[in-house]
Amino acid sequence: MTQFTWKHKIIFGLVMSILHALMLLWIHQITNDIPNYNSIVFQGVVMGIFYVFLFPYLIKRTANKLSKKVDLEVKNIIVSPEEIIFDGGANQIKGKEGVGGKLFITNKRILFVSHKYNIQNGTTSINPTDVTSVDKTKLARIFNSGIVLTLKDNTTYKFSVNNQDEWFTKLNNYIQAA
């Protein structure tokens, strides 16, 4: 899950309000109705405000609920003497899908556990001794939230995380200590 700045929220709100207004114009075109431009502009502005303020709140609240469910599932995956060192909400980038879930660093492995509301579900377990590099990357050429793990066999795993710098430091320290 990526933390959005106010700049990102406002740009997203503007784009969504314009798209909403264009969709309303398109509907009027299809139905041969005469559009009420004041109504279309008003609805576009209302939708923009929704996407700037309410939508991020709803997404964050949903993500927190899903995170708690993943935490319960992880209790069945991680058994003593394995312990969680660091964790946080993340998306594993698989093709074009950002598979939502949580990323964990344990004393034995790097583990990603997805929540159930994904097309691609499951867990990814990475042995730290197999990792040759940890790199930062931009996602969608905009967000500084990507982490790429490259393994000895050139397999790569890409994750979107909050606090890219913190994850980068933690993973590099963990890999070096392994």
Protein backbone atom coordinates (compact mmCIF):
# COMPACT_ATOMS: atom_id res chain seq x y z
CA MET A 1 0.00 0.00 0.00
CA THR A 2 1.43 3.33 -1.05
CA GLN A 3 1.15 6.44 1.08
CA PHE A 4 -0.20 9.24 -1.11
CA THR A 5 0.84 12.84 -0.66
CA TRP A 6 -1.64 15.70 -0.95
CA LYS A 7 -0.24 16.39 -4.40
CA HIS A 8 -1.09 12.83 -5.50
CA LYS A 9 -4.55 13.04 -3.93
CA ILE A 10 -5.37 16.33 -5.65
CA ILE A 11 -4.11 15.15 -9.05
CA PHE A 12 -6.11 11.93 -8.67
CA GLY A 13 -9.20 13.93 -7.66
CA LEU A 14 -8.86 16.24 -10.67
CA VAL A 15 -8.40 13.35 -13.08
CA MET A 16 -11.37 11.47 -11.64
CA SER A 17 -13.61 14.56 -11.72
CA ILE A 18 -12.75 15.16 -15.39
CA LEU A 19 -13.31 11.50 -16.24
CA HIS A 20 -16.64 11.57 -14.42
CA ALA A 21 -17.77 14.67 -16.33
CA LEU A 22 -16.66 13.15 -19.65
CA MET A 23 -18.55 9.95 -18.85
CA LEU A 24 -21.71 11.97 -18.16
CA LEU A 25 -21.30 13.83 -21.46
CA TRP A 26 -20.82 10.51 -23.25
CA ILE A 27 -24.01 9.13 -21.68
CA HIS A 28 -25.91 12.23 -22.84
CA GLN A 29 -24.47 11.74 -26.32
CA ILE A 30 -25.59 8.08 -26.44
CA THR A 31 -29.09 8.82 -25.17
CA ASN A 32 -29.47 11.96 -27.35
CA ASP A 33 -30.34 14.02 -24.27
CA ILE A 34 -29.46 17.68 -23.99
CA PRO A 35 -26.76 17.90 -21.31
CA ASN A 36 -27.12 20.26 -18.36
CA TYR A 37 -23.56 21.55 -18.18
CA ASN A 38 -24.01 23.14 -14.73
CA SER A 39 -25.11 19.77 -13.35
CA ILE A 40 -22.23 17.95 -15.04
CA VAL A 41 -19.65 20.43 -13.66
CA PHE A 42 -21.22 20.21 -10.18
CA GLN A 43 -21.18 16.40 -10.22
CA GLY A 44 -17.56 16.41 -11.45
CA VAL A 45 -16.51 18.70 -8.60
CA VAL A 46 -18.36 16.58 -6.02
CA MET A 47 -16.68 13.43 -7.34
CA GLY A 48 -13.28 15.16 -7.25
CA ILE A 49 -13.83 16.13 -3.60
CA PHE A 50 -14.87 12.54 -2.84
CA TYR A 51 -11.68 11.17 -4.40
CA VAL A 52 -9.45 13.67 -2.58
CA PHE A 53 -10.91 13.24 0.92
CA LEU A 54 -13.23 10.27 1.40
CA PHE A 55 -11.76 7.68 -0.97
CA PRO A 56 -8.27 7.58 0.69
CA TYR A 57 -9.93 7.21 4.11
CA LEU A 58 -12.06 4.28 2.90
CA ILE A 59 -9.08 2.60 1.26
CA LYS A 60 -6.95 2.95 4.40
CA ARG A 61 -9.72 1.58 6.60
CA THR A 62 -10.21 -1.42 4.29
CA ALA A 63 -6.46 -2.03 4.16
CA ASN A 64 -6.26 -2.08 7.96
CA LYS A 65 -9.04 -4.69 8.17
CA LEU A 66 -7.35 -6.87 5.54
CA SER A 67 -4.01 -6.49 7.34
CA LYS A 68 -5.52 -7.84 10.55
CA LYS A 69 -6.86 -10.87 8.66
CA VAL A 70 -3.40 -11.53 7.17
CA ASP A 71 -1.90 -11.30 10.68
CA LEU A 72 -4.25 -14.07 11.81
CA GLU A 73 -3.26 -16.22 8.81
CA VAL A 74 0.45 -15.65 9.46
CA LYS A 75 0.11 -17.14 12.94
CA ASN A 76 -0.51 -20.48 11.18
CA ILE A 77 2.46 -20.04 8.81
CA ILE A 78 5.11 -18.80 11.23
CA VAL A 79 5.73 -21.21 14.06
CA SER A 80 8.27 -21.04 16.87
CA PRO A 81 11.29 -20.65 16.79
CA GLU A 82 10.62 -18.41 13.76
CA GLU A 83 9.91 -14.83 14.83
CA ILE A 84 8.84 -11.70 12.98
CA ILE A 85 11.54 -9.02 12.94
CA PHE A 86 9.77 -6.42 10.78
CA ASP A 87 6.52 -6.26 8.82
CA GLY A 88 4.23 -3.93 6.95
CA GLY A 89 1.52 -3.65 4.35
CA ALA A 90 2.76 -4.30 0.84
CA ASN A 91 1.79 -5.30 -2.66
CA GLN A 92 3.71 -7.93 -4.56
CA ILE A 93 3.82 -6.90 -8.20
CA LYS A 94 2.95 -9.95 -10.29
CA GLY A 95 2.61 -9.00 -13.93
CA LYS A 96 0.11 -6.16 -14.05
CA GLU A 97 -1.48 -6.99 -10.70
CA GLY A 98 -0.41 -5.52 -7.40
CA VAL A 99 -1.25 -8.43 -5.10
CA GLY A 100 -2.21 -6.90 -1.76
CA GLY A 101 -1.02 -8.32 1.53
CA LYS A 102 1.84 -7.99 4.02
CA LEU A 103 5.58 -8.37 3.76
CA PHE A 104 7.47 -9.89 6.69
CA ILE A 105 11.12 -10.21 7.61
CA THR A 106 11.54 -13.11 10.03
CA ASN A 107 14.65 -14.59 11.58
CA LYS A 108 14.50 -17.32 8.88
CA ARG A 109 13.10 -15.77 5.68
CA ILE A 110 11.42 -12.94 3.81
CA LEU A 111 7.73 -13.76 3.56
CA PHE A 112 4.87 -12.19 1.62
CA VAL A 113 1.31 -13.26 2.48
CA SER A 114 -1.54 -12.03 0.29
CA HIS A 115 -5.04 -11.28 1.49
CA LYS A 116 -7.91 -13.19 -0.06
CA TYR A 117 -9.26 -10.37 -2.27
CA ASN A 118 -6.74 -10.79 -5.07
CA ILE A 119 -6.86 -12.55 -8.40
CA GLN A 120 -3.50 -14.16 -7.56
CA ASN A 121 -3.38 -15.41 -3.97
CA GLY A 122 -0.79 -17.18 -1.88
CA THR A 123 2.48 -16.74 -0.08
CA THR A 124 5.99 -16.09 -1.29
CA SER A 125 8.87 -17.31 0.85
CA ILE A 126 12.39 -16.10 0.04
CA ASN A 127 15.54 -17.51 1.62
CA PRO A 128 17.79 -14.54 2.51
CA THR A 129 20.94 -16.39 1.41
CA ASP A 130 19.49 -16.59 -2.13
CA VAL A 131 19.14 -12.80 -2.45
CA THR A 132 21.97 -11.12 -4.37
CA SER A 133 20.63 -7.57 -4.40
CA VAL A 134 17.99 -5.27 -3.00
CA ASP A 135 17.15 -2.25 -5.15
CA LYS A 136 14.78 0.69 -5.02
CA THR A 137 12.50 1.38 -7.97
CA LYS A 138 9.71 3.72 -8.96
CA LEU A 139 6.32 2.21 -9.57
CA ALA A 140 4.23 3.52 -12.46
CA ARG A 141 7.14 5.94 -13.00
CA ILE A 142 5.65 8.13 -10.26
CA PHE A 143 5.79 6.54 -6.81
CA ASN A 144 9.03 5.97 -4.91
CA SER A 145 7.70 2.86 -3.21
CA GLY A 146 9.19 -0.09 -5.08
CA ILE A 147 11.66 -2.64 -3.73
CA VAL A 148 13.15 -5.29 -6.03
CA LEU A 149 14.82 -8.43 -4.67
CA THR A 150 17.06 -10.27 -7.14
CA LEU A 151 18.00 -13.88 -6.41
CA LYS A 152 21.04 -15.93 -7.45
CA ASP A 153 19.04 -17.56 -10.27
CA ASN A 154 18.08 -14.04 -11.59
CA THR A 155 14.50 -14.40 -10.38
CA THR A 156 13.18 -11.02 -9.27
CA TYR A 157 10.47 -10.16 -6.78
CA LYS A 158 9.01 -6.66 -6.84
CA PHE A 159 7.10 -5.15 -3.93
CA SER A 160 5.35 -1.86 -3.30
CA VAL A 161 5.86 -0.78 0.30
CA ASN A 162 5.32 2.21 2.55
CA ASN A 163 8.56 3.79 3.74
CA GLN A 164 10.74 2.61 0.85
CA ASP A 165 13.94 3.85 2.52
CA GLU A 166 13.23 2.00 5.76
CA TRP A 167 12.43 -1.27 3.95
CA PHE A 168 15.53 -0.86 1.76
CA THR A 169 17.76 -0.43 4.82
CA LYS A 170 16.13 -3.26 6.80
CA LEU A 171 16.32 -5.71 3.88
CA ASN A 172 19.94 -4.84 3.03
CA ASN A 173 21.01 -5.23 6.67
CA TYR A 174 19.10 -8.51 6.89
CA ILE A 175 20.64 -9.90 3.68
CA GLN A 176 24.16 -8.90 4.74
CA ALA A 177 23.73 -10.55 8.14
CA ALA A 178 22.41 -13.80 6.58
